[in-house]
């Protein structure tokens, strides 16, 4: 299952796409975040999502990921995978994506070129 924490517009899009769900314990797999949402609420929600065994991917708007970067950076398990997505007001910035930086560190570009020949 996919979970997400994002702006209302992004959440509505995912919900209309059928991604939203409430599990048997009545816990949703999404969180609508707005300007009045406390950082601690986002952090607590993220921590709940990573503990759930029914969630394999967490989508989070990158600007909210920046607010809880220390928590995201401490998540090293392969699942759930954390994907940072842009919002309509904040474009994606690959230099801020800690998961992408970690993935780039796993591969040496010279090895990829050497294996072509």
PDB file of N, CA and C in Angstrom:
ATOM      1  N   UNK A   1       0.829  -1.163   0.000  1.00  0.00           N
ATOM      2  CA  UNK A   1       0.000   0.000   0.000  1.00  0.00           C
ATOM      3  C   UNK A   1       0.883   1.240   0.000  1.00  0.00           C
ATOM      4  N   UNK A   2       0.364   2.275  -0.567  1.00  0.00           N
ATOM      5  CA  UNK A   2       1.053   3.563  -0.616  1.00  0.00           C
ATOM      6  C   UNK A   2       0.416   4.477   0.420  1.00  0.00           C
ATOM      7  N   UNK A   3       1.247   5.238   1.127  1.00  0.00           N
ATOM      8  CA  UNK A   3       0.731   6.273   2.019  1.00  0.00           C
ATOM      9  C   UNK A   3       1.278   7.605   1.558  1.00  0.00           C
ATOM     10  N   UNK A   4       0.640   8.680   1.976  1.00  0.00           N
ATOM     11  CA  UNK A   4       1.114   9.984   1.547  1.00  0.00           C
ATOM     12  C   UNK A   4       0.767  11.061   2.557  1.00  0.00           C
ATOM     13  N   UNK A   5       1.663  12.043   2.648  1.00  0.00           N
ATOM     14  CA  UNK A   5       1.471  13.250   3.456  1.00  0.00           C
ATOM     15  C   UNK A   5       1.718  14.424   2.533  1.00  0.00           C
ATOM     16  N   UNK A   6       0.685  15.215   2.315  1.00  0.00           N
ATOM     17  CA  UNK A   6       0.857  16.285   1.338  1.00  0.00           C
ATOM     18  C   UNK A   6      -0.224  17.350   1.468  1.00  0.00           C
ATOM     19  N   UNK A   7      -0.102  18.362   0.596  1.00  0.00           N
ATOM     20  CA  UNK A   7      -1.092  19.423   0.506  1.00  0.00           C
ATOM     21  C   UNK A   7      -2.458  18.821   0.194  1.00  0.00           C
ATOM     22  N   UNK A   8      -3.488  19.570   0.479  1.00  0.00           N
ATOM     23  CA  UNK A   8      -4.844  19.107   0.236  1.00  0.00           C
ATOM     24  C   UNK A   8      -5.057  18.738  -1.232  1.00  0.00           C
ATOM     25  N   UNK A   9      -4.581  19.573  -2.159  1.00  0.00           N
ATOM     26  CA  UNK A   9      -4.788  19.294  -3.588  1.00  0.00           C
ATOM     27  C   UNK A   9      -4.151  17.969  -3.996  1.00  0.00           C
ATOM     28  N   UNK A  10      -2.950  17.714  -3.492  1.00  0.00           N
ATOM     29  CA  UNK A  10      -2.263  16.467  -3.818  1.00  0.00           C
ATOM     30  C   UNK A  10      -3.018  15.289  -3.226  1.00  0.00           C
ATOM     31  N   UNK A  11      -3.457  15.418  -1.986  1.00  0.00           N
ATOM     32  CA  UNK A  11      -4.217  14.340  -1.338  1.00  0.00           C
ATOM     33  C   UNK A  11      -5.503  14.040  -2.092  1.00  0.00           C
ATOM     34  N   UNK A  12      -6.212  15.080  -2.498  1.00  0.00           N
ATOM     35  CA  UNK A  12      -7.461  14.878  -3.238  1.00  0.00           C
ATOM     36  C   UNK A  12      -7.194  14.097  -4.518  1.00  0.00           C
ATOM     37  N   UNK A  13      -6.117  14.444  -5.205  1.00  0.00           N
ATOM     38  CA  UNK A  13      -5.766  13.715  -6.429  1.00  0.00           C
ATOM     39  C   UNK A  13      -5.510  12.235  -6.166  1.00  0.00           C
ATOM     40  N   UNK A  14      -4.750  11.935  -5.129  1.00  0.00           N
ATOM     41  CA  UNK A  14      -4.491  10.532  -4.794  1.00  0.00           C
ATOM     42  C   UNK A  14      -5.763   9.820  -4.346  1.00  0.00           C
ATOM     43  N   UNK A  15      -6.593  10.509  -3.565  1.00  0.00           N
ATOM     44  CA  UNK A  15      -7.841   9.895  -3.102  1.00  0.00           C
ATOM     45  C   UNK A  15      -8.775   9.616  -4.272  1.00  0.00           C
ATOM     46  N   UNK A  16      -8.867  10.554  -5.215  1.00  0.00           N
ATOM     47  CA  UNK A  16      -9.689  10.328  -6.402  1.00  0.00           C
ATOM     48  C   UNK A  16      -9.126   9.194  -7.259  1.00  0.00           C
ATOM     49  N   UNK A  17      -7.812   8.997  -7.191  1.00  0.00           N
ATOM     50  CA  UNK A  17      -7.179   7.902  -7.922  1.00  0.00           C
ATOM     51  C   UNK A  17      -7.312   6.553  -7.224  1.00  0.00           C
ATOM     52  N   UNK A  18      -7.949   6.546  -6.057  1.00  0.00           N
ATOM     53  CA  UNK A  18      -8.198   5.290  -5.363  1.00  0.00           C
ATOM     54  C   UNK A  18      -7.096   4.836  -4.431  1.00  0.00           C
ATOM     55  N   UNK A  19      -6.163   5.710  -4.093  1.00  0.00           N
ATOM     56  CA  UNK A  19      -5.035   5.321  -3.250  1.00  0.00           C
ATOM     57  C   UNK A  19      -5.390   5.381  -1.765  1.00  0.00           C
ATOM     58  N   UNK A  20      -6.355   6.196  -1.375  1.00  0.00           N
ATOM     59  CA  UNK A  20      -6.706   6.352   0.031  1.00  0.00           C
ATOM     60  C   UNK A  20      -7.390   5.121   0.596  1.00  0.00           C
ATOM     61  N   UNK A  21      -7.061   4.816   1.838  1.00  0.00           N
ATOM     62  CA  UNK A  21      -7.642   3.648   2.481  1.00  0.00           C
ATOM     63  C   UNK A  21      -7.604   3.823   3.997  1.00  0.00           C
ATOM     64  N   UNK A  22      -8.531   3.193   4.676  1.00  0.00           N
ATOM     65  CA  UNK A  22      -8.519   3.133   6.131  1.00  0.00           C
ATOM     66  C   UNK A  22      -8.384   1.657   6.491  1.00  0.00           C
ATOM     67  N   UNK A  23      -7.374   1.324   7.314  1.00  0.00           N
ATOM     68  CA  UNK A  23      -7.124  -0.083   7.628  1.00  0.00           C
ATOM     69  C   UNK A  23      -8.112  -0.603   8.666  1.00  0.00           C
ATOM     70  N   UNK A  24      -7.970  -1.865   9.038  1.00  0.00           N
ATOM     71  CA  UNK A  24      -8.906  -2.501   9.973  1.00  0.00           C
ATOM     72  C   UNK A  24      -8.922  -1.829  11.345  1.00  0.00           C
ATOM     73  N   UNK A  25      -7.840  -1.119  11.687  1.00  0.00           N
ATOM     74  CA  UNK A  25      -7.779  -0.392  12.955  1.00  0.00           C
ATOM     75  C   UNK A  25      -8.304   1.035  12.826  1.00  0.00           C
ATOM     76  N   UNK A  26      -8.872   1.359  11.652  1.00  0.00           N
ATOM     77  CA  UNK A  26      -9.437   2.675  11.362  1.00  0.00           C
ATOM     78  C   UNK A  26      -8.380   3.770  11.257  1.00  0.00           C
ATOM     79  N   UNK A  27      -7.177   3.399  10.803  1.00  0.00           N
ATOM     80  CA  UNK A  27      -6.105   4.372  10.594  1.00  0.00           C
ATOM     81  C   UNK A  27      -5.964   4.627   9.090  1.00  0.00           C
ATOM     82  N   UNK A  28      -6.049   5.882   8.666  1.00  0.00           N
ATOM     83  CA  UNK A  28      -5.899   6.182   7.237  1.00  0.00           C
ATOM     84  C   UNK A  28      -4.438   6.066   6.789  1.00  0.00           C
ATOM     85  N   UNK A  29      -4.250   5.895   5.491  1.00  0.00           N
ATOM     86  CA  UNK A  29      -2.902   5.841   4.928  1.00  0.00           C
ATOM     87  C   UNK A  29      -2.503   7.190   4.338  1.00  0.00           C
ATOM     88  N   UNK A  30      -3.133   8.251   4.792  1.00  0.00           N
ATOM     89  CA  UNK A  30      -2.810   9.582   4.276  1.00  0.00           C
ATOM     90  C   UNK A  30      -2.948  10.618   5.384  1.00  0.00           C
ATOM     91  N   UNK A  31      -2.304  11.760   5.139  1.00  0.00           N
ATOM     92  CA  UNK A  31      -2.417  12.905   6.038  1.00  0.00           C
ATOM     93  C   UNK A  31      -2.477  14.161   5.193  1.00  0.00           C
ATOM     94  N   UNK A  32      -3.504  14.944   5.395  1.00  0.00           N
ATOM     95  CA  UNK A  32      -3.621  16.235   4.717  1.00  0.00           C
ATOM     96  C   UNK A  32      -2.899  17.260   5.584  1.00  0.00           C
ATOM     97  N   UNK A  33      -1.941  17.957   4.979  1.00  0.00           N
ATOM     98  CA  UNK A  33      -1.130  18.931   5.697  1.00  0.00           C
ATOM     99  C   UNK A  33      -1.447  20.321   5.158  1.00  0.00           C
ATOM    100  N   UNK A  34      -1.585  21.278   6.069  1.00  0.00           N
ATOM    101  CA  UNK A  34      -1.760  22.670   5.644  1.00  0.00           C
ATOM    102  C   UNK A  34      -0.843  23.573   6.462  1.00  0.00           C
ATOM    103  N   UNK A  35      -0.966  24.861   6.266  1.00  0.00           N
ATOM    104  CA  UNK A  35      -0.052  25.797   6.929  1.00  0.00           C
ATOM    105  C   UNK A  35      -0.186  25.778   8.447  1.00  0.00           C
ATOM    106  N   UNK A  36      -1.285  25.276   8.973  1.00  0.00           N
ATOM    107  CA  UNK A  36      -1.498  25.233  10.416  1.00  0.00           C
ATOM    108  C   UNK A  36      -1.081  23.902  11.049  1.00  0.00           C
ATOM    109  N   UNK A  37      -0.628  22.956  10.239  1.00  0.00           N
ATOM    110  CA  UNK A  37      -0.214  21.659  10.761  1.00  0.00           C
ATOM    111  C   UNK A  37       1.146  21.792  11.436  1.00  0.00           C
ATOM    112  N   UNK A  38       1.222  21.339  12.660  1.00  0.00           N
ATOM    113  CA  UNK A  38       2.486  21.407  13.408  1.00  0.00           C
ATOM    114  C   UNK A  38       3.483  20.395  12.847  1.00  0.00           C
ATOM    115  N   UNK A  39       4.749  20.758  12.870  1.00  0.00           N
ATOM    116  CA  UNK A  39       5.813  19.865  12.400  1.00  0.00           C
ATOM    117  C   UNK A  39       5.775  18.549  13.184  1.00  0.00           C
ATOM    118  N   UNK A  40       5.472  18.628  14.457  1.00  0.00           N
ATOM    119  CA  UNK A  40       5.410  17.422  15.281  1.00  0.00           C
ATOM    120  C   UNK A  40       4.323  16.466  14.796  1.00  0.00           C
ATOM    121  N   UNK A  41       3.217  16.998  14.259  1.00  0.00           N
ATOM    122  CA  UNK A  41       2.158  16.149  13.713  1.00  0.00           C
ATOM    123  C   UNK A  41       2.647  15.415  12.467  1.00  0.00           C
ATOM    124  N   UNK A  42       3.377  16.112  11.598  1.00  0.00           N
ATOM    125  CA  UNK A  42       3.917  15.496  10.389  1.00  0.00           C
ATOM    126  C   UNK A  42       4.908  14.406  10.780  1.00  0.00           C
ATOM    127  N   UNK A  43       5.761  14.721  11.724  1.00  0.00           N
ATOM    128  CA  UNK A  43       6.766  13.765  12.188  1.00  0.00           C
ATOM    129  C   UNK A  43       6.107  12.530  12.807  1.00  0.00           C
ATOM    130  N   UNK A  44       5.115  12.733  13.653  1.00  0.00           N
ATOM    131  CA  UNK A  44       4.413  11.604  14.277  1.00  0.00           C
ATOM    132  C   UNK A  44       3.719  10.733  13.246  1.00  0.00           C
ATOM    133  N   UNK A  45       3.092  11.363  12.272  1.00  0.00           N
ATOM    134  CA  UNK A  45       2.419  10.617  11.212  1.00  0.00           C
ATOM    135  C   UNK A  45       3.425   9.794  10.414  1.00  0.00           C
ATOM    136  N   UNK A  46       4.555  10.401  10.057  1.00  0.00           N
ATOM    137  CA  UNK A  46       5.591   9.686   9.310  1.00  0.00           C
ATOM    138  C   UNK A  46       6.074   8.474  10.104  1.00  0.00           C
ATOM    139  N   UNK A  47       6.298   8.655  11.388  1.00  0.00           N
ATOM    140  CA  UNK A  47       6.753   7.554  12.240  1.00  0.00           C
ATOM    141  C   UNK A  47       5.711   6.443  12.308  1.00  0.00           C
ATOM    142  N   UNK A  48       4.432   6.807  12.340  1.00  0.00           N
ATOM    143  CA  UNK A  48       3.374   5.786  12.325  1.00  0.00           C
ATOM    144  C   UNK A  48       3.381   5.029  10.999  1.00  0.00           C
ATOM    145  N   UNK A  49       3.551   5.768   9.896  1.00  0.00           N
ATOM    146  CA  UNK A  49       3.564   5.124   8.584  1.00  0.00           C
ATOM    147  C   UNK A  49       4.717   4.127   8.452  1.00  0.00           C
ATOM    148  N   UNK A  50       5.912   4.471   8.922  1.00  0.00           N
ATOM    149  CA  UNK A  50       7.043   3.559   8.750  1.00  0.00           C
ATOM    150  C   UNK A  50       6.922   2.320   9.635  1.00  0.00           C
ATOM    151  N   UNK A  51       6.110   2.378  10.675  1.00  0.00           N
ATOM    152  CA  UNK A  51       5.907   1.221  11.550  1.00  0.00           C
ATOM    153  C   UNK A  51       4.834   0.267  11.031  1.00  0.00           C
ATOM    154  N   UNK A  52       3.988   0.729  10.129  1.00  0.00           N
ATOM    155  CA  UNK A  52       2.895  -0.111   9.637  1.00  0.00           C
ATOM    156  C   UNK A  52       3.415  -1.142   8.642  1.00  0.00           C
ATOM    157  N   UNK A  53       3.001  -2.383   8.825  1.00  0.00           N
ATOM    158  CA  UNK A  53       3.476  -3.446   7.924  1.00  0.00           C
ATOM    159  C   UNK A  53       2.672  -3.525   6.628  1.00  0.00           C
ATOM    160  N   UNK A  54       1.606  -2.743   6.515  1.00  0.00           N
ATOM    161  CA  UNK A  54       0.810  -2.745   5.285  1.00  0.00           C
ATOM    162  C   UNK A  54       1.181  -1.602   4.342  1.00  0.00           C
ATOM    163  N   UNK A  55       2.200  -0.823   4.677  1.00  0.00           N
ATOM    164  CA  UNK A  55       2.637   0.293   3.829  1.00  0.00           C
ATOM    165  C   UNK A  55       4.025  -0.010   3.282  1.00  0.00           C
ATOM    166  N   UNK A  56       4.154   0.037   1.951  1.00  0.00           N
ATOM    167  CA  UNK A  56       5.434  -0.230   1.293  1.00  0.00           C
ATOM    168  C   UNK A  56       6.079   1.013   0.696  1.00  0.00           C
ATOM    169  N   UNK A  57       5.280   2.036   0.433  1.00  0.00           N
ATOM    170  CA  UNK A  57       5.797   3.273  -0.156  1.00  0.00           C
ATOM    171  C   UNK A  57       5.155   4.451   0.562  1.00  0.00           C
ATOM    172  N   UNK A  58       5.981   5.413   0.932  1.00  0.00           N
ATOM    173  CA  UNK A  58       5.482   6.656   1.521  1.00  0.00           C
ATOM    174  C   UNK A  58       5.813   7.791   0.568  1.00  0.00           C
ATOM    175  N   UNK A  59       4.794   8.514   0.126  1.00  0.00           N
ATOM    176  CA  UNK A  59       4.981   9.705  -0.695  1.00  0.00           C
ATOM    177  C   UNK A  59       4.821  10.911   0.202  1.00  0.00           C
ATOM    178  N   UNK A  60       5.753  11.829   0.116  1.00  0.00           N
ATOM    179  CA  UNK A  60       5.680  13.043   0.930  1.00  0.00           C
ATOM    180  C   UNK A  60       6.141  14.235   0.093  1.00  0.00           C
ATOM    181  N   UNK A  61       5.377  15.329   0.191  1.00  0.00           N
ATOM    182  CA  UNK A  61       5.812  16.534  -0.503  1.00  0.00           C
ATOM    183  C   UNK A  61       7.182  16.926   0.019  1.00  0.00           C
ATOM    184  N   UNK A  62       8.070  17.281  -0.889  1.00  0.00           N
ATOM    185  CA  UNK A  62       9.457  17.548  -0.517  1.00  0.00           C
ATOM    186  C   UNK A  62       9.583  18.679   0.503  1.00  0.00           C
ATOM    187  N   UNK A  63       8.754  19.702   0.412  1.00  0.00           N
ATOM    188  CA  UNK A  63       8.856  20.798   1.373  1.00  0.00           C
ATOM    189  C   UNK A  63       8.499  20.330   2.784  1.00  0.00           C
ATOM    190  N   UNK A  64       7.621  19.341   2.923  1.00  0.00           N
ATOM    191  CA  UNK A  64       7.328  18.780   4.246  1.00  0.00           C
ATOM    192  C   UNK A  64       8.432  17.819   4.672  1.00  0.00           C
ATOM    193  N   UNK A  65       9.016  17.126   3.719  1.00  0.00           N
ATOM    194  CA  UNK A  65      10.150  16.248   4.032  1.00  0.00           C
ATOM    195  C   UNK A  65      11.297  17.063   4.620  1.00  0.00           C
ATOM    196  N   UNK A  66      11.481  18.275   4.112  1.00  0.00           N
ATOM    197  CA  UNK A  66      12.537  19.147   4.645  1.00  0.00           C
ATOM    198  C   UNK A  66      12.309  19.461   6.123  1.00  0.00           C
ATOM    199  N   UNK A  67      11.048  19.570   6.517  1.00  0.00           N
ATOM    200  CA  UNK A  67      10.732  19.899   7.910  1.00  0.00           C
ATOM    201  C   UNK A  67      11.067  18.755   8.863  1.00  0.00           C
ATOM    202  N   UNK A  68      11.033  17.524   8.348  1.00  0.00           N
ATOM    203  CA  UNK A  68      11.316  16.360   9.197  1.00  0.00           C
ATOM    204  C   UNK A  68      12.512  15.573   8.647  1.00  0.00           C
ATOM    205  N   UNK A  69      13.429  16.285   8.021  1.00  0.00           N
ATOM    206  CA  UNK A  69      14.591  15.645   7.376  1.00  0.00           C
ATOM    207  C   UNK A  69      15.325  14.707   8.319  1.00  0.00           C
ATOM    208  N   UNK A  70      15.505  15.086   9.572  1.00  0.00           N
ATOM    209  CA  UNK A  70      16.241  14.248  10.525  1.00  0.00           C
ATOM    210  C   UNK A  70      15.562  12.889  10.719  1.00  0.00           C
ATOM    211  N   UNK A  71      14.248  12.853  10.652  1.00  0.00           N
ATOM    212  CA  UNK A  71      13.519  11.592  10.804  1.00  0.00           C
ATOM    213  C   UNK A  71      13.643  10.759   9.527  1.00  0.00           C
ATOM    214  N   UNK A  72      13.515  11.402   8.390  1.00  0.00           N
ATOM    215  CA  UNK A  72      13.635  10.684   7.119  1.00  0.00           C
ATOM    216  C   UNK A  72      15.045  10.126   6.958  1.00  0.00           C
ATOM    217  N   UNK A  73      16.048  10.915   7.304  1.00  0.00           N
ATOM    218  CA  UNK A  73      17.434  10.450   7.192  1.00  0.00           C
ATOM    219  C   UNK A  73      17.719   9.269   8.113  1.00  0.00           C
ATOM    220  N   UNK A  74      17.021   9.179   9.223  1.00  0.00           N
ATOM    221  CA  UNK A  74      17.260   8.065  10.150  1.00  0.00           C
ATOM    222  C   UNK A  74      16.551   6.787   9.712  1.00  0.00           C
ATOM    223  N   UNK A  75      15.639   6.888   8.749  1.00  0.00           N
ATOM    224  CA  UNK A  75      14.944   5.709   8.226  1.00  0.00           C
ATOM    225  C   UNK A  75      15.840   5.028   7.189  1.00  0.00           C
ATOM    226  N   UNK A  76      16.394   3.888   7.543  1.00  0.00           N
ATOM    227  CA  UNK A  76      17.336   3.193   6.648  1.00  0.00           C
ATOM    228  C   UNK A  76      16.814   1.862   6.133  1.00  0.00           C
ATOM    229  N   UNK A  77      15.661   1.435   6.593  1.00  0.00           N
ATOM    230  CA  UNK A  77      15.089   0.166   6.127  1.00  0.00           C
ATOM    231  C   UNK A  77      14.675   0.296   4.658  1.00  0.00           C
ATOM    232  N   UNK A  78      14.740  -0.811   3.905  1.00  0.00           N
ATOM    233  CA  UNK A  78      14.365  -0.734   2.488  1.00  0.00           C
ATOM    234  C   UNK A  78      12.873  -0.472   2.276  1.00  0.00           C
ATOM    235  N   UNK A  79      12.049  -0.917   3.216  1.00  0.00           N
ATOM    236  CA  UNK A  79      10.617  -0.635   3.133  1.00  0.00           C
ATOM    237  C   UNK A  79      10.134  -0.111   4.464  1.00  0.00           C
ATOM    238  N   UNK A  80       9.233   0.806   4.445  1.00  0.00           N
ATOM    239  CA  UNK A  80       8.677   1.416   3.246  1.00  0.00           C
ATOM    240  C   UNK A  80       9.669   2.375   2.588  1.00  0.00           C
ATOM    241  N   UNK A  81       9.631   2.386   1.276  1.00  0.00           N
ATOM    242  CA  UNK A  81      10.450   3.331   0.520  1.00  0.00           C
ATOM    243  C   UNK A  81       9.837   4.724   0.667  1.00  0.00           C
ATOM    244  N   UNK A  82      10.673   5.730   0.780  1.00  0.00           N
ATOM    245  CA  UNK A  82      10.204   7.107   0.932  1.00  0.00           C
ATOM    246  C   UNK A  82      10.521   7.861  -0.352  1.00  0.00           C
ATOM    247  N   UNK A  83       9.486   8.367  -0.991  1.00  0.00           N
ATOM    248  CA  UNK A  83       9.657   9.131  -2.228  1.00  0.00           C
ATOM    249  C   UNK A  83       9.183  10.552  -1.993  1.00  0.00           C
ATOM    250  N   UNK A  84      10.062  11.489  -2.261  1.00  0.00           N
ATOM    251  CA  UNK A  84       9.728  12.900  -2.113  1.00  0.00           C
ATOM    252  C   UNK A  84       9.190  13.414  -3.438  1.00  0.00           C
ATOM    253  N   UNK A  85       8.043  14.061  -3.365  1.00  0.00           N
ATOM    254  CA  UNK A  85       7.380  14.528  -4.581  1.00  0.00           C
ATOM    255  C   UNK A  85       7.216  16.047  -4.527  1.00  0.00           C
ATOM    256  N   UNK A  86       7.119  16.685  -5.696  1.00  0.00           N
ATOM    257  CA  UNK A  86       6.918  18.138  -5.715  1.00  0.00           C
ATOM    258  C   UNK A  86       5.465  18.479  -5.391  1.00  0.00           C
ATOM    259  N   UNK A  87       5.233  19.739  -5.119  1.00  0.00           N
ATOM    260  CA  UNK A  87       3.867  20.247  -4.989  1.00  0.00           C
ATOM    261  C   UNK A  87       3.698  21.349  -6.027  1.00  0.00           C
ATOM    262  N   UNK A  88       2.488  21.836  -6.155  1.00  0.00           N
ATOM    263  CA  UNK A  88       2.276  22.875  -7.163  1.00  0.00           C
ATOM    264  C   UNK A  88       3.022  24.160  -6.838  1.00  0.00           C
ATOM    265  N   UNK A  89       3.321  24.385  -5.565  1.00  0.00           N
ATOM    266  CA  UNK A  89       4.011  25.614  -5.155  1.00  0.00           C
ATOM    267  C   UNK A  89       5.509  25.432  -4.912  1.00  0.00           C
ATOM    268  N   UNK A  90       5.958  24.182  -4.816  1.00  0.00           N
ATOM    269  CA  UNK A  90       7.359  23.897  -4.518  1.00  0.00           C
ATOM    270  C   UNK A  90       7.884  22.839  -5.484  1.00  0.00           C
ATOM    271  N   UNK A  91       8.678  23.228  -6.478  1.00  0.00           N
ATOM    272  CA  UNK A  91       9.204  22.243  -7.427  1.00  0.00           C
ATOM    273  C   UNK A  91      10.176  21.278  -6.751  1.00  0.00           C
ATOM    274  N   UNK A  92      10.344  20.124  -7.374  1.00  0.00           N
ATOM    275  CA  UNK A  92      11.253  19.106  -6.850  1.00  0.00           C
ATOM    276  C   UNK A  92      12.699  19.579  -6.983  1.00  0.00           C
ATOM    277  N   UNK A  93      13.493  19.355  -5.942  1.00  0.00           N
ATOM    278  CA  UNK A  93      14.908  19.708  -5.940  1.00  0.00           C
ATOM    279  C   UNK A  93      15.699  18.455  -5.570  1.00  0.00           C
ATOM    280  N   UNK A  94      16.316  17.828  -6.556  1.00  0.00           N
ATOM    281  CA  UNK A  94      17.035  16.567  -6.334  1.00  0.00           C
ATOM    282  C   UNK A  94      18.144  16.704  -5.301  1.00  0.00           C
ATOM    283  N   UNK A  95      18.726  17.886  -5.168  1.00  0.00           N
ATOM    284  CA  UNK A  95      19.820  18.063  -4.207  1.00  0.00           C
ATOM    285  C   UNK A  95      19.346  17.942  -2.756  1.00  0.00           C
ATOM    286  N   UNK A  96      18.051  18.098  -2.511  1.00  0.00           N
ATOM    287  CA  UNK A  96      17.516  17.992  -1.156  1.00  0.00           C
ATOM    288  C   UNK A  96      17.029  16.587  -0.814  1.00  0.00           C
ATOM    289  N   UNK A  97      16.910  15.725  -1.799  1.00  0.00           N
ATOM    290  CA  UNK A  97      16.340  14.391  -1.605  1.00  0.00           C
ATOM    291  C   UNK A  97      17.380  13.442  -1.021  1.00  0.00           C
ATOM    292  N   UNK A  98      17.267  13.152   0.277  1.00  0.00           N
ATOM    293  CA  UNK A  98      18.272  12.325   0.955  1.00  0.00           C
ATOM    294  C   UNK A  98      18.270  10.889   0.451  1.00  0.00           C
ATOM    295  N   UNK A  99      17.128  10.376   0.053  1.00  0.00           N
ATOM    296  CA  UNK A  99      17.056   9.002  -0.454  1.00  0.00           C
ATOM    297  C   UNK A  99      17.775   8.918  -1.801  1.00  0.00           C
ATOM    298  N   UNK A 100      17.591   9.919  -2.646  1.00  0.00           N
ATOM    299  CA  UNK A 100      18.283   9.942  -3.938  1.00  0.00           C
ATOM    300  C   UNK A 100      19.788  10.062  -3.741  1.00  0.00           C
ATOM    301  N   UNK A 101      20.208  10.912  -2.795  1.00  0.00           N
ATOM    302  CA  UNK A 101      21.647  11.036  -2.513  1.00  0.00           C
ATOM    303  C   UNK A 101      22.211   9.699  -2.030  1.00  0.00           C
ATOM    304  N   UNK A 102      21.478   9.004  -1.197  1.00  0.00           N
ATOM    305  CA  UNK A 102      21.916   7.702  -0.701  1.00  0.00           C
ATOM    306  C   UNK A 102      22.025   6.691  -1.839  1.00  0.00           C
ATOM    307  N   UNK A 103      21.061   6.707  -2.750  1.00  0.00           N
ATOM    308  CA  UNK A 103      21.070   5.780  -3.886  1.00  0.00           C
ATOM    309  C   UNK A 103      22.239   6.074  -4.825  1.00  0.00           C
ATOM    310  N   UNK A 104      22.524   7.353  -5.048  1.00  0.00           N
ATOM    311  CA  UNK A 104      23.651   7.710  -5.908  1.00  0.00           C
ATOM    312  C   UNK A 104      24.966   7.211  -5.326  1.00  0.00           C
ATOM    313  N   UNK A 105      25.068   7.171  -4.011  1.00  0.00           N
ATOM    314  CA  UNK A 105      26.283   6.706  -3.357  1.00  0.00           C
ATOM    315  C   UNK A 105      26.502   5.202  -3.485  1.00  0.00           C
ATOM    316  N   UNK A 106      25.467   4.478  -3.899  1.00  0.00           N
ATOM    317  CA  UNK A 106      25.570   3.020  -4.030  1.00  0.00           C
ATOM    318  C   UNK A 106      26.198   2.598  -5.353  1.00  0.00           C
ATOM    319  N   UNK A 107      26.202   3.487  -6.331  1.00  0.00           N
ATOM    320  CA  UNK A 107      26.677   3.140  -7.665  1.00  0.00           C
ATOM    321  C   UNK A 107      27.808   4.050  -8.093  1.00  0.00           C
ATOM    322  N   UNK A 108      28.782   3.476  -8.753  1.00  0.00           N
ATOM    323  CA  UNK A 108      29.889   4.228  -9.308  1.00  0.00           C
ATOM    324  C   UNK A 108      29.635   4.365 -10.808  1.00  0.00           C
ATOM    325  N   UNK A 109      29.494   5.578 -11.337  1.00  0.00           N
ATOM    326  CA  UNK A 109      29.216   5.756 -12.764  1.00  0.00           C
ATOM    327  C   UNK A 109      30.267   5.086 -13.658  1.00  0.00           C
ATOM    328  N   UNK A 110      31.512   5.019 -13.214  1.00  0.00           N
ATOM    329  CA  UNK A 110      32.559   4.379 -14.017  1.00  0.00           C
ATOM    330  C   UNK A 110      32.271   2.888 -14.197  1.00  0.00           C
ATOM    331  N   UNK A 111      31.696   2.246 -13.204  1.00  0.00           N
ATOM    332  CA  UNK A 111      31.347   0.833 -13.310  1.00  0.00           C
ATOM    333  C   UNK A 111      30.279   0.620 -14.373  1.00  0.00           C
ATOM    334  N   UNK A 112      29.344   1.530 -14.478  1.00  0.00           N
ATOM    335  CA  UNK A 112      28.274   1.416 -15.454  1.00  0.00           C
ATOM    336  C   UNK A 112      28.845   1.507 -16.883  1.00  0.00           C
ATOM    337  N   UNK A 113      29.786   2.417 -17.094  1.00  0.00           N
ATOM    338  CA  UNK A 113      30.397   2.589 -18.410  1.00  0.00           C
ATOM    339  C   UNK A 113      31.252   1.361 -18.749  1.00  0.00           C
ATOM    340  N   UNK A 114      31.998   0.866 -17.781  1.00  0.00           N
ATOM    341  CA  UNK A 114      32.868  -0.297 -18.003  1.00  0.00           C
ATOM    342  C   UNK A 114      32.055  -1.532 -18.371  1.00  0.00           C
ATOM    343  N   UNK A 115      30.859  -1.666 -17.846  1.00  0.00           N
ATOM    344  CA  UNK A 115      30.044  -2.851 -18.101  1.00  0.00           C
ATOM    345  C   UNK A 115      29.328  -2.806 -19.436  1.00  0.00           C
ATOM    346  N   UNK A 116      29.372  -1.704 -20.128  1.00  0.00           N
ATOM    347  CA  UNK A 116      28.737  -1.584 -21.451  1.00  0.00           C
ATOM    348  C   UNK A 116      29.506  -2.339 -22.519  1.00  0.00           C
ATOM    349  N   UNK A 117      30.802  -2.343 -22.385  1.00  0.00           N
ATOM    350  CA  UNK A 117      31.633  -2.876 -23.463  1.00  0.00           C
ATOM    351  C   UNK A 117      31.872  -4.278 -23.394  1.00  0.00           C
TER     352      UNK A 117
END
